[in-house]
Amino acid sequence: MTLKEKVEKALETVRPHLQADGGNVELIDTTENGIVKVKLTGACGDCPMAAMTLQYGVTSAIKQAVPEVKEVQAVQ
């Protein structure tokens, strides 16, 4: 399984929580050195809590499921 596939699988665990609030997360890219780029969409895109959602929800889910990920970055 590729890094991208592992990250996508990890995102599936947080998507239902984001979708319940009218938002979602999109995997934009993964790099060979463990950088993951994601985009919060829908209601999550403009939410004042987006930074916390990214750090405590999305990033922690990805890093817990895919330990080789070094950093998760948000893109617009």
C-alpha atoms as a PDB file:
ATOM      1  CA  MET A   1       0.000   0.000   0.000  1.00  0.00           C
ATOM      2  CA  THR A   2       1.377   3.407  -0.957  1.00  0.00           C
ATOM      3  CA  LEU A   3       1.721   6.343   1.432  1.00  0.00           C
ATOM      4  CA  LYS A   4      -1.121   8.093  -0.393  1.00  0.00           C
ATOM      5  CA  GLU A   5      -3.396   5.058   0.034  1.00  0.00           C
ATOM      6  CA  LYS A   6      -2.561   4.799   3.745  1.00  0.00           C
ATOM      7  CA  VAL A   7      -3.305   8.497   4.282  1.00  0.00           C
ATOM      8  CA  GLU A   8      -6.569   8.240   2.339  1.00  0.00           C
ATOM      9  CA  LYS A   9      -7.602   5.320   4.545  1.00  0.00           C
ATOM     10  CA  ALA A  10      -6.794   7.356   7.677  1.00  0.00           C
ATOM     11  CA  LEU A  11      -8.846  10.274   6.341  1.00  0.00           C
ATOM     12  CA  GLU A  12     -11.840   7.955   5.962  1.00  0.00           C
ATOM     13  CA  THR A  13     -11.904   7.686   9.774  1.00  0.00           C
ATOM     14  CA  VAL A  14     -12.317  11.455  10.274  1.00  0.00           C
ATOM     15  CA  ARG A  15     -14.501  12.258   7.274  1.00  0.00           C
ATOM     16  CA  PRO A  16     -17.817  11.267   8.927  1.00  0.00           C
ATOM     17  CA  HIS A  17     -17.154  13.766  11.748  1.00  0.00           C
ATOM     18  CA  LEU A  18     -16.360  16.553   9.295  1.00  0.00           C
ATOM     19  CA  GLN A  19     -19.302  15.693   7.056  1.00  0.00           C
ATOM     20  CA  ALA A  20     -21.661  15.801  10.047  1.00  0.00           C
ATOM     21  CA  ASP A  21     -20.789  19.507  10.316  1.00  0.00           C
ATOM     22  CA  GLY A  22     -21.099  20.145   6.563  1.00  0.00           C
ATOM     23  CA  GLY A  23     -17.403  19.901   5.783  1.00  0.00           C
ATOM     24  CA  ASN A  24     -14.855  17.488   4.421  1.00  0.00           C
ATOM     25  CA  VAL A  25     -11.139  16.982   3.884  1.00  0.00           C
ATOM     26  CA  GLU A  26      -9.432  16.386   0.551  1.00  0.00           C
ATOM     27  CA  LEU A  27      -6.021  14.772   0.136  1.00  0.00           C
ATOM     28  CA  ILE A  28      -4.043  16.998  -2.230  1.00  0.00           C
ATOM     29  CA  ASP A  29      -0.591  15.400  -2.248  1.00  0.00           C
ATOM     30  CA  THR A  30       1.941  13.258  -0.415  1.00  0.00           C
ATOM     31  CA  THR A  31       5.695  13.518  -0.793  1.00  0.00           C
ATOM     32  CA  GLU A  32       8.400  10.888  -0.481  1.00  0.00           C
ATOM     33  CA  ASN A  33       9.755  12.605   2.639  1.00  0.00           C
ATOM     34  CA  GLY A  34       6.487  12.245   4.574  1.00  0.00           C
ATOM     35  CA  ILE A  35       4.751  15.570   3.932  1.00  0.00           C
ATOM     36  CA  VAL A  36       0.990  15.364   3.453  1.00  0.00           C
ATOM     37  CA  LYS A  37      -1.022  18.229   1.967  1.00  0.00           C
ATOM     38  CA  VAL A  38      -4.737  18.384   2.664  1.00  0.00           C
ATOM     39  CA  LYS A  39      -7.525  20.866   2.034  1.00  0.00           C
ATOM     40  CA  LEU A  40     -10.477  21.413   4.344  1.00  0.00           C
ATOM     41  CA  THR A  41     -13.587  21.945   2.230  1.00  0.00           C
ATOM     42  CA  GLY A  42     -17.231  22.878   2.668  1.00  0.00           C
ATOM     43  CA  ALA A  43     -18.115  24.374   6.041  1.00  0.00           C
ATOM     44  CA  CYS A  44     -14.666  23.384   7.354  1.00  0.00           C
ATOM     45  CA  GLY A  45     -12.983  25.660   4.810  1.00  0.00           C
ATOM     46  CA  ASP A  46     -14.234  28.878   6.457  1.00  0.00           C
ATOM     47  CA  CYS A  47     -14.711  27.662  10.002  1.00  0.00           C
ATOM     48  CA  PRO A  48     -12.892  29.628  12.719  1.00  0.00           C
ATOM     49  CA  MET A  49     -12.025  26.263  14.301  1.00  0.00           C
ATOM     50  CA  ALA A  50     -10.412  24.945  11.098  1.00  0.00           C
ATOM     51  CA  ALA A  51      -6.866  25.155  12.501  1.00  0.00           C
ATOM     52  CA  MET A  52      -7.852  23.109  15.550  1.00  0.00           C
ATOM     53  CA  THR A  53      -9.768  20.623  13.388  1.00  0.00           C
ATOM     54  CA  LEU A  54      -6.702  20.210  11.214  1.00  0.00           C
ATOM     55  CA  GLN A  55      -4.269  19.810  14.100  1.00  0.00           C
ATOM     56  CA  TYR A  56      -6.277  17.744  16.576  1.00  0.00           C
ATOM     57  CA  GLY A  57      -8.570  15.839  14.227  1.00  0.00           C
ATOM     58  CA  VAL A  58      -7.015  15.355  10.833  1.00  0.00           C
ATOM     59  CA  THR A  59      -3.293  15.471  11.708  1.00  0.00           C
ATOM     60  CA  SER A  60      -3.586  13.220  14.740  1.00  0.00           C
ATOM     61  CA  ALA A  61      -5.653  10.644  12.815  1.00  0.00           C
ATOM     62  CA  ILE A  62      -3.136  10.586   9.969  1.00  0.00           C
ATOM     63  CA  LYS A  63      -0.053  10.386  12.202  1.00  0.00           C
ATOM     64  CA  GLN A  64      -1.601   7.690  14.395  1.00  0.00           C
ATOM     65  CA  ALA A  65      -2.489   5.515  11.391  1.00  0.00           C
ATOM     66  CA  VAL A  66       0.571   6.343   9.276  1.00  0.00           C
ATOM     67  CA  PRO A  67       3.614   6.923  11.519  1.00  0.00           C
ATOM     68  CA  GLU A  68       5.928   7.660   8.585  1.00  0.00           C
ATOM     69  CA  VAL A  69       4.094  10.953   8.005  1.00  0.00           C
ATOM     70  CA  LYS A  70       6.302  13.777   9.281  1.00  0.00           C
ATOM     71  CA  GLU A  71       4.019  16.764   8.718  1.00  0.00           C
ATOM     72  CA  VAL A  72       0.496  17.600   7.599  1.00  0.00           C
ATOM     73  CA  GLN A  73       0.062  20.918   5.806  1.00  0.00           C
ATOM     74  CA  ALA A  74      -3.162  22.716   4.931  1.00  0.00           C
ATOM     75  CA  VAL A  75      -3.472  24.190   1.459  1.00  0.00           C
ATOM     76  CA  GLN A  76      -6.094  26.591   0.136  1.00  0.00           C
END
